[in-house]
Amino acid sequence: MAAAGVASRRASEELIFQGKVMVNGVVVLIPQTPVDQNVDEILVNNESLKRKEDKVYYILNKPAGYICSTKRTSQARLVLDLFEEEGHRLFTVGRLDKDTQGLLIVTNDGHFANQVIHPSANIQKEYIAKVDAEISHDHLVTISNGTLVEGVFVKPLKVEKVRRGTLKIVISEGKKREVRVLLHAAGLEAKELTRVRLGGLRMGLLPVGSWRALSEKEKQVIFSQ
């Protein structure tokens, strides 16, 4: 399913566990079920699974206000709305929360997505945060000392003041809203949060809301830092 561009491998497993996948008219609940796409009829949400499609890889400068999801549950704008004319069944590699902007990878390659987001890859994420107060030495120390995020103690790899109300934070864990939680623990609130680097790949001058294809070299750069 991931190879066919349905979703990431993890999301594909969830679809299977939810009973939304059928093989030859029978619901399957085991992700390891062997199938032959040339012989077996595979339905996902009652839609026929297409044959393996060409893999595509894009870098997007995500605007604030867009959600990283393949499902629309309200009037919220989805990141994938920016790719309506692209033609492939895409998903985001990991997530940025609704109010965070910046570097995001969008693809139809579940294997590649899993390589990037798997904890063993230990890929760094660099953010620039504009906050609601002048940044003091105490703020930097508190952020550097870490805090609990989703019940797990995390520490940033690097914290650096850029200017009066702007700082750079580099993390590796990537827990939900991790940077915002680290800032909040130091008494700061992010007015604007932008991811500018993923591994060795930097956003560069790509305008907000714009996207372009990733080169093979850029795909590999993600894993070097």
N, C-alpha and C. Protein backbone atom coordinates (compact mmCIF):
# COMPACT_ATOMS: atom_id res chain seq x y z
N MET A 1 0.83 -1.20 0.00
CA MET A 1 0.00 0.00 0.00
C MET A 1 0.86 1.25 0.00
N ALA A 2 1.93 1.22 0.79
CA ALA A 2 2.84 2.37 0.81
C ALA A 2 3.49 2.54 -0.56
N ALA A 3 3.88 1.43 -1.18
CA ALA A 3 4.51 1.48 -2.49
C ALA A 3 3.55 2.04 -3.55
N ALA A 4 2.26 1.82 -3.37
CA ALA A 4 1.27 2.31 -4.32
C ALA A 4 0.87 3.74 -4.04
N GLY A 5 1.44 4.33 -2.99
CA GLY A 5 1.17 5.72 -2.69
C GLY A 5 -0.10 5.98 -1.92
N VAL A 6 -0.65 4.94 -1.27
CA VAL A 6 -1.88 5.14 -0.48
C VAL A 6 -1.60 6.02 0.72
N ALA A 7 -0.54 5.73 1.44
CA ALA A 7 -0.17 6.47 2.65
C ALA A 7 1.21 5.98 3.07
N SER A 8 1.72 6.55 4.16
CA SER A 8 2.98 6.05 4.71
C SER A 8 2.75 4.63 5.22
N ARG A 9 3.83 3.91 5.49
CA ARG A 9 3.70 2.53 5.96
C ARG A 9 2.92 2.46 7.27
N ARG A 10 3.21 3.38 8.17
CA ARG A 10 2.51 3.39 9.46
C ARG A 10 1.02 3.66 9.27
N ALA A 11 0.70 4.65 8.43
CA ALA A 11 -0.71 4.97 8.18
C ALA A 11 -1.41 3.84 7.44
N SER A 12 -0.68 3.14 6.57
CA SER A 12 -1.27 1.99 5.87
C SER A 12 -1.61 0.87 6.85
N GLU A 13 -0.73 0.65 7.83
CA GLU A 13 -1.01 -0.36 8.84
C GLU A 13 -2.27 -0.01 9.62
N GLU A 14 -2.46 1.27 9.93
CA GLU A 14 -3.66 1.69 10.66
C GLU A 14 -4.91 1.42 9.84
N LEU A 15 -4.86 1.64 8.54
CA LEU A 15 -6.01 1.35 7.68
C LEU A 15 -6.35 -0.14 7.72
N ILE A 16 -5.31 -0.97 7.75
CA ILE A 16 -5.52 -2.42 7.83
C ILE A 16 -6.15 -2.79 9.17
N PHE A 17 -5.59 -2.26 10.26
CA PHE A 17 -6.13 -2.57 11.58
C PHE A 17 -7.58 -2.11 11.73
N GLN A 18 -7.95 -1.05 11.02
CA GLN A 18 -9.32 -0.52 11.09
C GLN A 18 -10.30 -1.28 10.20
N GLY A 19 -9.79 -2.33 9.50
CA GLY A 19 -10.66 -3.15 8.67
C GLY A 19 -11.07 -2.49 7.37
N LYS A 20 -10.25 -1.56 6.88
CA LYS A 20 -10.61 -0.82 5.67
C LYS A 20 -9.93 -1.38 4.41
N VAL A 21 -9.27 -2.54 4.56
CA VAL A 21 -8.58 -3.14 3.42
C VAL A 21 -9.15 -4.54 3.16
N MET A 22 -9.48 -4.81 1.89
CA MET A 22 -10.01 -6.11 1.51
C MET A 22 -9.14 -6.70 0.41
N VAL A 23 -8.92 -8.01 0.49
CA VAL A 23 -8.20 -8.74 -0.56
C VAL A 23 -9.13 -9.84 -1.07
N ASN A 24 -9.48 -9.74 -2.34
CA ASN A 24 -10.39 -10.71 -2.96
C ASN A 24 -11.69 -10.84 -2.18
N GLY A 25 -12.22 -9.70 -1.74
CA GLY A 25 -13.51 -9.67 -1.06
C GLY A 25 -13.48 -9.99 0.41
N VAL A 26 -12.30 -10.24 0.98
CA VAL A 26 -12.18 -10.59 2.39
C VAL A 26 -11.39 -9.50 3.13
N VAL A 27 -11.93 -9.03 4.25
CA VAL A 27 -11.23 -8.03 5.06
C VAL A 27 -9.98 -8.65 5.65
N VAL A 28 -8.85 -7.98 5.52
CA VAL A 28 -7.60 -8.45 6.12
C VAL A 28 -7.22 -7.51 7.25
N LEU A 29 -6.72 -8.09 8.34
CA LEU A 29 -6.34 -7.32 9.52
C LEU A 29 -4.87 -7.45 9.85
N ILE A 30 -4.14 -8.17 9.00
CA ILE A 30 -2.72 -8.42 9.25
C ILE A 30 -1.88 -7.73 8.17
N PRO A 31 -1.07 -6.74 8.54
CA PRO A 31 -0.27 -6.02 7.54
C PRO A 31 0.66 -6.91 6.72
N GLN A 32 1.10 -8.02 7.28
CA GLN A 32 2.05 -8.91 6.59
C GLN A 32 1.37 -9.88 5.62
N THR A 33 0.07 -9.72 5.39
CA THR A 33 -0.64 -10.63 4.48
C THR A 33 -0.02 -10.58 3.08
N PRO A 34 0.43 -11.72 2.54
CA PRO A 34 1.05 -11.73 1.21
C PRO A 34 0.00 -11.52 0.12
N VAL A 35 0.31 -10.66 -0.84
CA VAL A 35 -0.59 -10.42 -1.97
C VAL A 35 0.23 -10.27 -3.24
N ASP A 36 -0.44 -10.48 -4.35
CA ASP A 36 0.16 -10.26 -5.67
C ASP A 36 -0.74 -9.26 -6.38
N GLN A 37 -0.24 -8.05 -6.55
CA GLN A 37 -1.07 -6.98 -7.10
C GLN A 37 -1.48 -7.25 -8.55
N ASN A 38 -0.77 -8.16 -9.22
CA ASN A 38 -1.12 -8.52 -10.59
C ASN A 38 -2.25 -9.54 -10.65
N VAL A 39 -2.52 -10.19 -9.52
CA VAL A 39 -3.53 -11.25 -9.48
C VAL A 39 -4.68 -10.91 -8.53
N ASP A 40 -4.33 -10.45 -7.33
CA ASP A 40 -5.34 -10.21 -6.30
C ASP A 40 -6.04 -8.87 -6.48
N GLU A 41 -7.33 -8.86 -6.12
CA GLU A 41 -8.09 -7.62 -6.10
C GLU A 41 -7.97 -7.00 -4.71
N ILE A 42 -7.39 -5.82 -4.64
CA ILE A 42 -7.16 -5.16 -3.36
C ILE A 42 -7.97 -3.88 -3.31
N LEU A 43 -8.81 -3.75 -2.29
CA LEU A 43 -9.63 -2.56 -2.11
C LEU A 43 -9.22 -1.85 -0.83
N VAL A 44 -9.05 -0.54 -0.90
CA VAL A 44 -8.78 0.30 0.28
C VAL A 44 -9.90 1.32 0.36
N ASN A 45 -10.68 1.27 1.45
CA ASN A 45 -11.87 2.12 1.57
C ASN A 45 -12.79 1.94 0.36
N ASN A 46 -12.93 0.68 -0.07
CA ASN A 46 -13.79 0.30 -1.18
C ASN A 46 -13.34 0.84 -2.54
N GLU A 47 -12.10 1.30 -2.62
CA GLU A 47 -11.53 1.76 -3.88
C GLU A 47 -10.40 0.83 -4.27
N SER A 48 -10.33 0.50 -5.57
CA SER A 48 -9.31 -0.41 -6.05
C SER A 48 -7.92 0.19 -5.91
N LEU A 49 -7.00 -0.61 -5.40
CA LEU A 49 -5.62 -0.17 -5.24
C LEU A 49 -4.94 -0.16 -6.61
N LYS A 50 -4.41 1.00 -6.95
CA LYS A 50 -3.76 1.12 -8.25
C LYS A 50 -2.40 0.44 -8.23
N ARG A 51 -1.94 0.11 -9.39
CA ARG A 51 -0.61 -0.48 -9.51
C ARG A 51 0.44 0.52 -9.07
N LYS A 52 1.60 -0.01 -8.78
CA LYS A 52 2.70 0.82 -8.31
C LYS A 52 2.92 2.00 -9.26
N GLU A 53 2.96 3.22 -8.69
CA GLU A 53 3.11 4.42 -9.50
C GLU A 53 4.50 5.02 -9.34
N ASP A 54 4.83 5.90 -10.24
CA ASP A 54 6.12 6.58 -10.15
C ASP A 54 6.22 7.34 -8.84
N LYS A 55 7.39 7.30 -8.25
CA LYS A 55 7.61 7.99 -6.98
C LYS A 55 7.96 9.46 -7.25
N VAL A 56 7.37 10.34 -6.45
CA VAL A 56 7.64 11.76 -6.58
C VAL A 56 7.99 12.32 -5.20
N TYR A 57 8.82 13.36 -5.19
CA TYR A 57 9.32 13.92 -3.94
C TYR A 57 9.36 15.44 -4.08
N TYR A 58 8.70 16.12 -3.14
CA TYR A 58 8.64 17.57 -3.22
C TYR A 58 9.06 18.20 -1.89
N ILE A 59 9.65 19.39 -2.00
CA ILE A 59 9.91 20.22 -0.83
C ILE A 59 8.91 21.37 -0.88
N LEU A 60 8.25 21.61 0.23
CA LEU A 60 7.23 22.66 0.33
C LEU A 60 7.61 23.63 1.45
N ASN A 61 7.39 24.91 1.21
CA ASN A 61 7.47 25.90 2.29
C ASN A 61 6.04 26.07 2.80
N LYS A 62 5.70 25.27 3.79
CA LYS A 62 4.32 25.23 4.29
C LYS A 62 3.89 26.56 4.89
N PRO A 63 2.74 27.08 4.50
CA PRO A 63 2.21 28.28 5.13
C PRO A 63 1.55 27.94 6.47
N ALA A 64 1.51 28.89 7.38
CA ALA A 64 0.74 28.71 8.61
C ALA A 64 -0.73 28.61 8.24
N GLY A 65 -1.48 27.86 9.06
CA GLY A 65 -2.91 27.72 8.82
C GLY A 65 -3.31 26.48 8.04
N TYR A 66 -2.32 25.69 7.61
CA TYR A 66 -2.59 24.46 6.88
C TYR A 66 -2.28 23.24 7.75
N ILE A 67 -3.08 22.18 7.59
CA ILE A 67 -2.97 20.98 8.41
C ILE A 67 -2.32 19.84 7.62
N CYS A 68 -1.42 19.12 8.28
CA CYS A 68 -0.77 17.95 7.66
C CYS A 68 -1.64 16.72 7.88
N SER A 69 -2.58 16.50 6.99
CA SER A 69 -3.48 15.36 7.10
C SER A 69 -4.00 15.02 5.72
N THR A 70 -4.43 13.77 5.55
CA THR A 70 -5.06 13.37 4.29
C THR A 70 -6.57 13.38 4.41
N LYS A 71 -7.08 13.67 5.62
CA LYS A 71 -8.52 13.66 5.86
C LYS A 71 -9.00 15.05 6.26
N ARG A 72 -10.08 15.48 5.65
CA ARG A 72 -10.68 16.76 5.97
C ARG A 72 -11.85 16.54 6.94
N THR A 73 -11.70 17.01 8.16
CA THR A 73 -12.74 16.82 9.17
C THR A 73 -13.54 18.10 9.43
N SER A 74 -13.14 19.20 8.82
CA SER A 74 -13.84 20.47 9.01
C SER A 74 -13.56 21.34 7.79
N GLN A 75 -13.64 22.64 7.96
CA GLN A 75 -13.33 23.57 6.88
C GLN A 75 -11.84 23.88 6.82
N ALA A 76 -11.04 23.15 7.61
CA ALA A 76 -9.60 23.40 7.67
C ALA A 76 -8.96 23.20 6.31
N ARG A 77 -7.93 23.99 6.05
CA ARG A 77 -7.17 23.84 4.82
C ARG A 77 -6.09 22.78 5.02
N LEU A 78 -5.96 21.89 4.04
CA LEU A 78 -4.97 20.83 4.10
C LEU A 78 -3.75 21.21 3.27
N VAL A 79 -2.57 20.74 3.74
CA VAL A 79 -1.35 20.94 2.95
C VAL A 79 -1.54 20.40 1.54
N LEU A 80 -2.23 19.26 1.42
CA LEU A 80 -2.40 18.63 0.11
C LEU A 80 -3.26 19.46 -0.83
N ASP A 81 -4.00 20.45 -0.30
CA ASP A 81 -4.76 21.35 -1.17
C ASP A 81 -3.82 22.14 -2.09
N LEU A 82 -2.59 22.34 -1.63
CA LEU A 82 -1.61 23.09 -2.42
C LEU A 82 -1.12 22.28 -3.62
N PHE A 83 -1.43 20.96 -3.61
CA PHE A 83 -0.96 20.05 -4.67
C PHE A 83 -2.11 19.50 -5.51
N GLU A 84 -3.22 20.19 -5.54
CA GLU A 84 -4.43 19.67 -6.20
C GLU A 84 -4.19 19.31 -7.67
N GLU A 85 -3.35 20.05 -8.35
CA GLU A 85 -3.14 19.81 -9.78
C GLU A 85 -1.99 18.83 -10.05
N GLU A 86 -1.38 18.29 -8.98
CA GLU A 86 -0.18 17.48 -9.16
C GLU A 86 -0.47 16.11 -9.77
N GLY A 87 -1.57 15.48 -9.34
CA GLY A 87 -1.99 14.24 -9.98
C GLY A 87 -1.65 12.95 -9.27
N HIS A 88 -0.79 12.98 -8.25
CA HIS A 88 -0.45 11.78 -7.50
C HIS A 88 -1.18 11.78 -6.15
N ARG A 89 -1.24 10.62 -5.55
CA ARG A 89 -1.85 10.47 -4.22
C ARG A 89 -0.74 10.70 -3.19
N LEU A 90 -0.70 11.88 -2.63
CA LEU A 90 0.43 12.32 -1.82
C LEU A 90 0.12 12.32 -0.33
N PHE A 91 1.17 12.39 0.47
CA PHE A 91 1.05 12.59 1.91
C PHE A 91 2.31 13.29 2.40
N THR A 92 2.24 13.87 3.58
CA THR A 92 3.38 14.60 4.12
C THR A 92 4.30 13.63 4.87
N VAL A 93 5.58 13.95 4.86
CA VAL A 93 6.56 13.16 5.60
C VAL A 93 6.67 13.78 6.99
N GLY A 94 6.01 13.15 7.98
CA GLY A 94 5.92 13.77 9.29
C GLY A 94 4.92 14.92 9.26
N ARG A 95 4.96 15.72 10.31
CA ARG A 95 3.96 16.79 10.42
C ARG A 95 4.58 18.07 10.96
N LEU A 96 3.99 19.19 10.56
CA LEU A 96 4.17 20.47 11.21
C LEU A 96 2.78 20.87 11.69
N ASP A 97 2.68 21.42 12.90
CA ASP A 97 1.35 21.77 13.40
C ASP A 97 0.76 22.92 12.58
N LYS A 98 -0.52 23.14 12.76
CA LYS A 98 -1.27 24.09 11.93
C LYS A 98 -0.61 25.47 11.88
N ASP A 99 -0.10 25.94 13.01
CA ASP A 99 0.41 27.31 13.08
C ASP A 99 1.90 27.42 12.74
N THR A 100 2.55 26.29 12.46
CA THR A 100 3.97 26.30 12.12
C THR A 100 4.14 26.26 10.61
N GLN A 101 5.10 27.04 10.12
CA GLN A 101 5.36 27.06 8.69
C GLN A 101 6.76 26.52 8.42
N GLY A 102 7.09 26.43 7.15
CA GLY A 102 8.46 26.05 6.80
C GLY A 102 8.59 24.74 6.07
N LEU A 103 9.79 24.18 6.13
CA LEU A 103 10.21 23.04 5.32
C LEU A 103 9.40 21.77 5.63
N LEU A 104 8.78 21.24 4.59
CA LEU A 104 8.01 20.01 4.72
C LEU A 104 8.20 19.20 3.44
N ILE A 105 8.41 17.89 3.59
CA ILE A 105 8.55 17.00 2.45
C ILE A 105 7.19 16.35 2.17
N VAL A 106 6.81 16.33 0.90
CA VAL A 106 5.56 15.70 0.47
C VAL A 106 5.92 14.69 -0.61
N THR A 107 5.35 13.48 -0.50
CA THR A 107 5.72 12.40 -1.41
C THR A 107 4.60 11.39 -1.54
N ASN A 108 4.82 10.37 -2.37
CA ASN A 108 3.93 9.21 -2.43
C ASN A 108 4.72 7.94 -2.13
N ASP A 109 5.93 8.10 -1.61
CA ASP A 109 6.84 6.98 -1.34
C ASP A 109 6.84 6.68 0.16
N GLY A 110 6.07 5.65 0.55
CA GLY A 110 5.96 5.31 1.96
C GLY A 110 7.26 4.82 2.56
N HIS A 111 8.05 4.09 1.77
CA HIS A 111 9.32 3.58 2.28
C HIS A 111 10.27 4.73 2.59
N PHE A 112 10.36 5.69 1.70
CA PHE A 112 11.21 6.86 1.92
C PHE A 112 10.73 7.66 3.14
N ALA A 113 9.42 7.85 3.23
CA ALA A 113 8.86 8.60 4.36
C ALA A 113 9.22 7.94 5.68
N ASN A 114 9.12 6.61 5.72
CA ASN A 114 9.44 5.90 6.95
C ASN A 114 10.92 6.03 7.30
N GLN A 115 11.79 6.05 6.30
CA GLN A 115 13.21 6.24 6.55
C GLN A 115 13.48 7.59 7.20
N VAL A 116 12.78 8.60 6.76
CA VAL A 116 13.01 9.95 7.26
C VAL A 116 12.48 10.13 8.68
N ILE A 117 11.29 9.60 8.96
CA ILE A 117 10.67 9.87 10.25
C ILE A 117 11.03 8.85 11.33
N HIS A 118 11.63 7.71 10.94
CA HIS A 118 11.93 6.69 11.95
C HIS A 118 12.96 7.22 12.95
N PRO A 119 12.73 7.00 14.25
CA PRO A 119 13.66 7.52 15.27
C PRO A 119 15.11 7.12 15.06
N SER A 120 15.34 5.94 14.47
CA SER A 120 16.72 5.48 14.28
C SER A 120 17.50 6.37 13.32
N ALA A 121 16.79 7.12 12.47
CA ALA A 121 17.47 8.03 11.54
C ALA A 121 18.07 9.22 12.27
N ASN A 122 17.47 9.58 13.42
CA ASN A 122 18.00 10.65 14.26
C ASN A 122 18.24 11.94 13.46
N ILE A 123 17.30 12.28 12.61
CA ILE A 123 17.44 13.45 11.74
C ILE A 123 17.13 14.73 12.50
N GLN A 124 18.02 15.69 12.40
CA GLN A 124 17.84 16.97 13.08
C GLN A 124 16.79 17.83 12.38
N LYS A 125 16.08 18.63 13.19
CA LYS A 125 15.14 19.61 12.67
C LYS A 125 15.48 20.96 13.27
N GLU A 126 15.68 21.95 12.43
CA GLU A 126 16.07 23.28 12.90
C GLU A 126 14.92 24.26 12.70
N TYR A 127 14.62 25.01 13.76
CA TYR A 127 13.52 25.97 13.74
C TYR A 127 14.01 27.37 14.10
N ILE A 128 13.37 28.37 13.51
CA ILE A 128 13.54 29.75 13.91
C ILE A 128 12.23 30.19 14.57
N ALA A 129 12.33 30.66 15.82
CA ALA A 129 11.14 31.06 16.57
C ALA A 129 11.20 32.55 16.90
N LYS A 130 10.13 33.27 16.55
CA LYS A 130 9.96 34.65 16.97
C LYS A 130 9.00 34.63 18.15
N VAL A 131 9.46 35.13 19.30
CA VAL A 131 8.69 34.98 20.54
C VAL A 131 8.18 36.33 21.04
N ASP A 132 7.42 36.27 22.14
CA ASP A 132 6.69 37.43 22.64
C ASP A 132 7.46 38.27 23.66
N ALA A 133 8.75 38.03 23.81
CA ALA A 133 9.54 38.79 24.79
C ALA A 133 11.00 38.80 24.36
N GLU A 134 11.77 39.69 24.95
CA GLU A 134 13.20 39.70 24.67
C GLU A 134 13.82 38.45 25.31
N ILE A 135 14.68 37.80 24.58
CA ILE A 135 15.26 36.54 25.04
C ILE A 135 16.44 36.81 25.96
N SER A 136 16.39 36.24 27.16
CA SER A 136 17.45 36.42 28.15
C SER A 136 18.32 35.17 28.23
N HIS A 137 19.40 35.30 28.94
CA HIS A 137 20.27 34.15 29.17
C HIS A 137 19.52 33.04 29.92
N ASP A 138 18.69 33.45 30.88
CA ASP A 138 17.91 32.46 31.65
C ASP A 138 16.96 31.68 30.74
N HIS A 139 16.36 32.37 29.77
CA HIS A 139 15.48 31.68 28.82
C HIS A 139 16.26 30.58 28.08
N LEU A 140 17.44 30.94 27.60
CA LEU A 140 18.25 29.98 26.84
C LEU A 140 18.65 28.79 27.69
N VAL A 141 19.01 29.05 28.95
CA VAL A 141 19.40 27.97 29.85
C VAL A 141 18.23 27.03 30.11
N THR A 142 17.05 27.62 30.38
CA THR A 142 15.87 26.80 30.67
C THR A 142 15.49 25.93 29.48
N ILE A 143 15.50 26.51 28.29
CA ILE A 143 15.17 25.73 27.10
C ILE A 143 16.20 24.62 26.90
N SER A 144 17.48 24.96 27.08
CA SER A 144 18.56 23.98 26.87
C SER A 144 18.47 22.82 27.84
N ASN A 145 17.92 23.07 29.04
CA ASN A 145 17.82 22.02 30.05
C ASN A 145 16.72 21.00 29.74
N GLY A 146 15.83 21.34 28.81
CA GLY A 146 14.81 20.40 28.39
C GLY A 146 13.57 20.39 29.26
N THR A 147 12.58 19.58 28.86
CA THR A 147 11.33 19.46 29.59
C THR A 147 10.61 18.20 29.15
N LEU A 148 9.48 17.92 29.77
CA LEU A 148 8.66 16.77 29.39
C LEU A 148 7.77 17.13 28.21
N VAL A 149 7.78 16.28 27.19
CA VAL A 149 6.90 16.43 26.04
C VAL A 149 6.25 15.08 25.79
N GLU A 150 4.93 15.02 25.88
CA GLU A 150 4.18 13.77 25.74
C GLU A 150 4.70 12.71 26.70
N GLY A 151 5.04 13.14 27.93
CA GLY A 151 5.48 12.21 28.95
C GLY A 151 6.91 11.75 28.83
N VAL A 152 7.65 12.30 27.86
CA VAL A 152 9.05 11.92 27.64
C VAL A 152 9.92 13.16 27.83
N PHE A 153 11.02 13.01 28.58
CA PHE A 153 11.93 14.14 28.79
C PHE A 153 12.79 14.32 27.54
N VAL A 154 12.78 15.54 27.00
CA VAL A 154 13.55 15.83 25.79
C VAL A 154 14.40 17.08 26.01
N LYS A 155 15.54 17.11 25.35
CA LYS A 155 16.42 18.28 25.37
C LYS A 155 16.77 18.64 23.93
N PRO A 156 16.76 19.93 23.61
CA PRO A 156 17.18 20.32 22.27
C PRO A 156 18.67 20.10 22.09
N LEU A 157 19.08 19.93 20.84
CA LEU A 157 20.50 19.75 20.54
C LEU A 157 21.24 21.08 20.61
N LYS A 158 20.52 22.17 20.27
CA LYS A 158 21.16 23.48 20.23
C LYS A 158 20.12 24.56 20.42
N VAL A 159 20.46 25.57 21.20
CA VAL A 159 19.60 26.74 21.38
C VAL A 159 20.48 27.98 21.26
N GLU A 160 20.07 28.90 20.41
CA GLU A 160 20.92 30.06 20.15
C GLU A 160 20.07 31.30 19.90
N LYS A 161 20.40 32.39 20.55
CA LYS A 161 19.70 33.65 20.33
C LYS A 161 20.16 34.23 19.00
N VAL A 162 19.21 34.62 18.16
CA VAL A 162 19.53 35.19 16.86
C VAL A 162 19.49 36.71 16.92
N ARG A 163 18.44 37.22 17.56
CA ARG A 163 18.31 38.66 17.81
C ARG A 163 17.38 38.85 19.00
N ARG A 164 16.98 40.05 19.27
CA ARG A 164 16.25 40.38 20.50
C ARG A 164 15.11 39.40 20.83
N GLY A 165 14.22 39.17 19.89
CA GLY A 165 13.08 38.29 20.16
C GLY A 165 13.03 37.07 19.27
N THR A 166 14.19 36.66 18.76
CA THR A 166 14.25 35.52 17.84
C THR A 166 15.34 34.56 18.26
N LEU A 167 15.03 33.27 18.24
CA LEU A 167 16.03 32.27 18.57
C LEU A 167 15.95 31.08 17.64
N LYS A 168 17.05 30.32 17.59
CA LYS A 168 17.16 29.12 16.79
C LYS A 168 17.15 27.92 17.74
N ILE A 169 16.36 26.91 17.40
CA ILE A 169 16.31 25.68 18.20
C ILE A 169 16.48 24.49 17.26
N VAL A 170 17.39 23.59 17.61
CA VAL A 170 17.61 22.37 16.84
C VAL A 170 17.22 21.19 17.72
N ILE A 171 16.35 20.31 17.20
CA ILE A 171 15.89 19.14 17.94
C ILE A 171 16.11 17.89 17.09
N SER A 172 16.00 16.73 17.74
CA SER A 172 16.06 15.48 16.98
C SER A 172 14.83 14.61 17.23
N GLU A 173 14.21 14.72 18.40
CA GLU A 173 13.09 13.84 18.74
C GLU A 173 11.87 14.08 17.86
N GLY A 174 11.47 15.34 17.73
CA GLY A 174 10.31 15.64 16.91
C GLY A 174 8.98 15.25 17.52
N LYS A 175 8.85 15.37 18.84
CA LYS A 175 7.57 15.10 19.49
C LYS A 175 6.55 16.17 19.08
N LYS A 176 5.28 15.86 19.30
CA LYS A 176 4.20 16.78 18.92
C LYS A 176 4.37 18.12 19.62
N ARG A 177 4.43 19.19 18.83
CA ARG A 177 4.55 20.57 19.32
C ARG A 177 5.76 20.73 20.26
N GLU A 178 6.82 19.98 20.02
CA GLU A 178 7.97 19.95 20.93
C GLU A 178 8.59 21.33 21.13
N VAL A 179 8.83 22.05 20.05
CA VAL A 179 9.48 23.36 20.17
C VAL A 179 8.59 24.32 20.95
N ARG A 180 7.31 24.31 20.70
CA ARG A 180 6.40 25.20 21.42
C ARG A 180 6.35 24.86 22.91
N VAL A 181 6.40 23.57 23.23
CA VAL A 181 6.40 23.15 24.63
C VAL A 181 7.69 23.60 25.33
N LEU A 182 8.83 23.47 24.63
CA LEU A 182 10.11 23.91 25.19
C LEU A 182 10.09 25.41 25.46
N LEU A 183 9.54 26.17 24.54
CA LEU A 183 9.45 27.63 24.72
C LEU A 183 8.52 27.97 25.88
N HIS A 184 7.38 27.29 25.93
CA HIS A 184 6.40 27.56 27.00
C HIS A 184 6.99 27.28 28.37
N ALA A 185 7.79 26.22 28.48
CA ALA A 185 8.41 25.87 29.76
C ALA A 185 9.36 26.98 30.23
N ALA A 186 9.86 27.78 29.28
CA ALA A 186 10.76 28.88 29.63
C ALA A 186 10.01 30.20 29.77
N GLY A 187 8.68 30.15 29.69
CA GLY A 187 7.88 31.36 29.83
C GLY A 187 7.76 32.16 28.55
N LEU A 188 7.99 31.54 27.42
CA LEU A 188 7.91 32.22 26.13
C LEU A 188 6.82 31.59 25.27
N GLU A 189 6.21 32.40 24.42
CA GLU A 189 5.23 31.91 23.47
C GLU A 189 5.67 32.28 22.07
N ALA A 190 5.56 31.35 21.16
CA ALA A 190 5.98 31.59 19.78
C ALA A 190 4.91 32.40 19.04
N LYS A 191 5.30 33.55 18.52
CA LYS A 191 4.43 34.33 17.65
C LYS A 191 4.53 33.83 16.21
N GLU A 192 5.69 33.29 15.88
CA GLU A 192 5.91 32.72 14.55
C GLU A 192 6.97 31.64 14.66
N LEU A 193 6.69 30.47 14.10
CA LEU A 193 7.62 29.34 14.18
C LEU A 193 7.82 28.76 12.79
N THR A 194 9.08 28.66 12.38
CA THR A 194 9.40 28.22 11.02
C THR A 194 10.47 27.14 11.05
N ARG A 195 10.22 26.02 10.40
CA ARG A 195 11.26 25.01 10.25
C ARG A 195 12.08 25.36 9.02
N VAL A 196 13.40 25.45 9.20
CA VAL A 196 14.27 25.88 8.10
C VAL A 196 15.23 24.79 7.64
N ARG A 197 15.32 23.69 8.39
CA ARG A 197 16.24 22.62 8.01
C ARG A 197 15.71 21.27 8.46
N LEU A 198 15.90 20.27 7.61
CA LEU A 198 15.58 18.88 7.92
C LEU A 198 16.82 18.07 7.56
N GLY A 199 17.53 17.55 8.57
CA GLY A 199 18.80 16.90 8.31
C GLY A 199 19.76 17.89 7.68
N GLY A 200 20.32 17.54 6.53
CA GLY A 200 21.21 18.45 5.83
C GLY A 200 20.51 19.29 4.77
N LEU A 201 19.19 19.16 4.65
CA LEU A 201 18.43 19.89 3.65
C LEU A 201 17.89 21.19 4.23
N ARG A 202 18.20 22.32 3.58
CA ARG A 202 17.73 23.62 4.04
C ARG A 202 16.64 24.15 3.11
N MET A 203 15.77 25.00 3.69
CA MET A 203 14.66 25.56 2.94
C MET A 203 15.13 26.44 1.79
N GLY A 204 16.14 27.25 2.04
CA GLY A 204 16.59 28.17 1.00
C GLY A 204 15.59 29.29 0.78
N LEU A 205 15.48 29.75 -0.46
CA LEU A 205 14.66 30.93 -0.79
C LEU A 205 13.28 30.57 -1.34
N LEU A 206 12.84 29.35 -1.14
CA LEU A 206 11.52 28.94 -1.62
C LEU A 206 10.43 29.79 -0.95
N PRO A 207 9.59 30.49 -1.72
CA PRO A 207 8.56 31.35 -1.11
C PRO A 207 7.53 30.55 -0.31
N VAL A 208 6.94 31.16 0.68
CA VAL A 208 5.90 30.52 1.48
C VAL A 208 4.74 30.11 0.57
N GLY A 209 4.31 28.86 0.71
CA GLY A 209 3.21 28.34 -0.09
C GLY A 209 3.65 27.72 -1.39
N SER A 210 4.94 27.81 -1.72
CA SER A 210 5.45 27.25 -2.96
C SER A 210 6.12 25.90 -2.72
N TRP A 211 6.20 25.09 -3.78
CA TRP A 211 6.86 23.80 -3.70
C TRP A 211 7.58 23.51 -5.01
N ARG A 212 8.53 22.59 -4.93
CA ARG A 212 9.27 22.17 -6.12
C ARG A 212 9.75 20.73 -5.90
N ALA A 213 10.17 20.09 -6.98
CA ALA A 213 10.66 18.72 -6.90
C ALA A 213 12.02 18.68 -6.21
N LEU A 214 12.24 17.63 -5.44
CA LEU A 214 13.54 17.38 -4.83
C LEU A 214 14.43 16.63 -5.81
N SER A 215 15.70 17.00 -5.86
CA SER A 215 16.65 16.25 -6.67
C SER A 215 17.09 15.01 -5.90
N GLU A 216 17.69 14.06 -6.58
CA GLU A 216 18.21 12.86 -5.92
C GLU A 216 19.25 13.25 -4.88
N LYS A 217 20.08 14.23 -5.21
CA LYS A 217 21.11 14.68 -4.28
C LYS A 217 20.48 15.27 -3.03
N GLU A 218 19.43 16.05 -3.19
CA GLU A 218 18.75 16.65 -2.03
C GLU A 218 18.10 15.59 -1.16
N LYS A 219 17.57 14.54 -1.76
CA LYS A 219 16.98 13.45 -0.98
C LYS A 219 18.03 12.81 -0.07
N GLN A 220 19.24 12.62 -0.60
CA GLN A 220 20.30 12.02 0.19
C GLN A 220 20.84 12.98 1.25
N VAL A 221 20.82 14.28 0.93
CA VAL A 221 21.33 15.30 1.86
C VAL A 221 20.52 15.28 3.16
N ILE A 222 19.25 14.92 3.08
CA ILE A 222 18.42 14.87 4.28
C ILE A 222 19.08 14.00 5.36
N PHE A 223 19.72 12.94 4.94
CA PHE A 223 20.30 11.99 5.89
C PHE A 223 21.72 12.34 6.32
N SER A 224 22.24 13.47 5.85
CA SER A 224 23.57 13.95 6.28
C SER A 224 23.37 15.27 7.01
N GLN A 225 24.05 15.44 8.12
CA GLN A 225 23.87 16.66 8.92
C GLN A 225 25.12 16.94 9.74
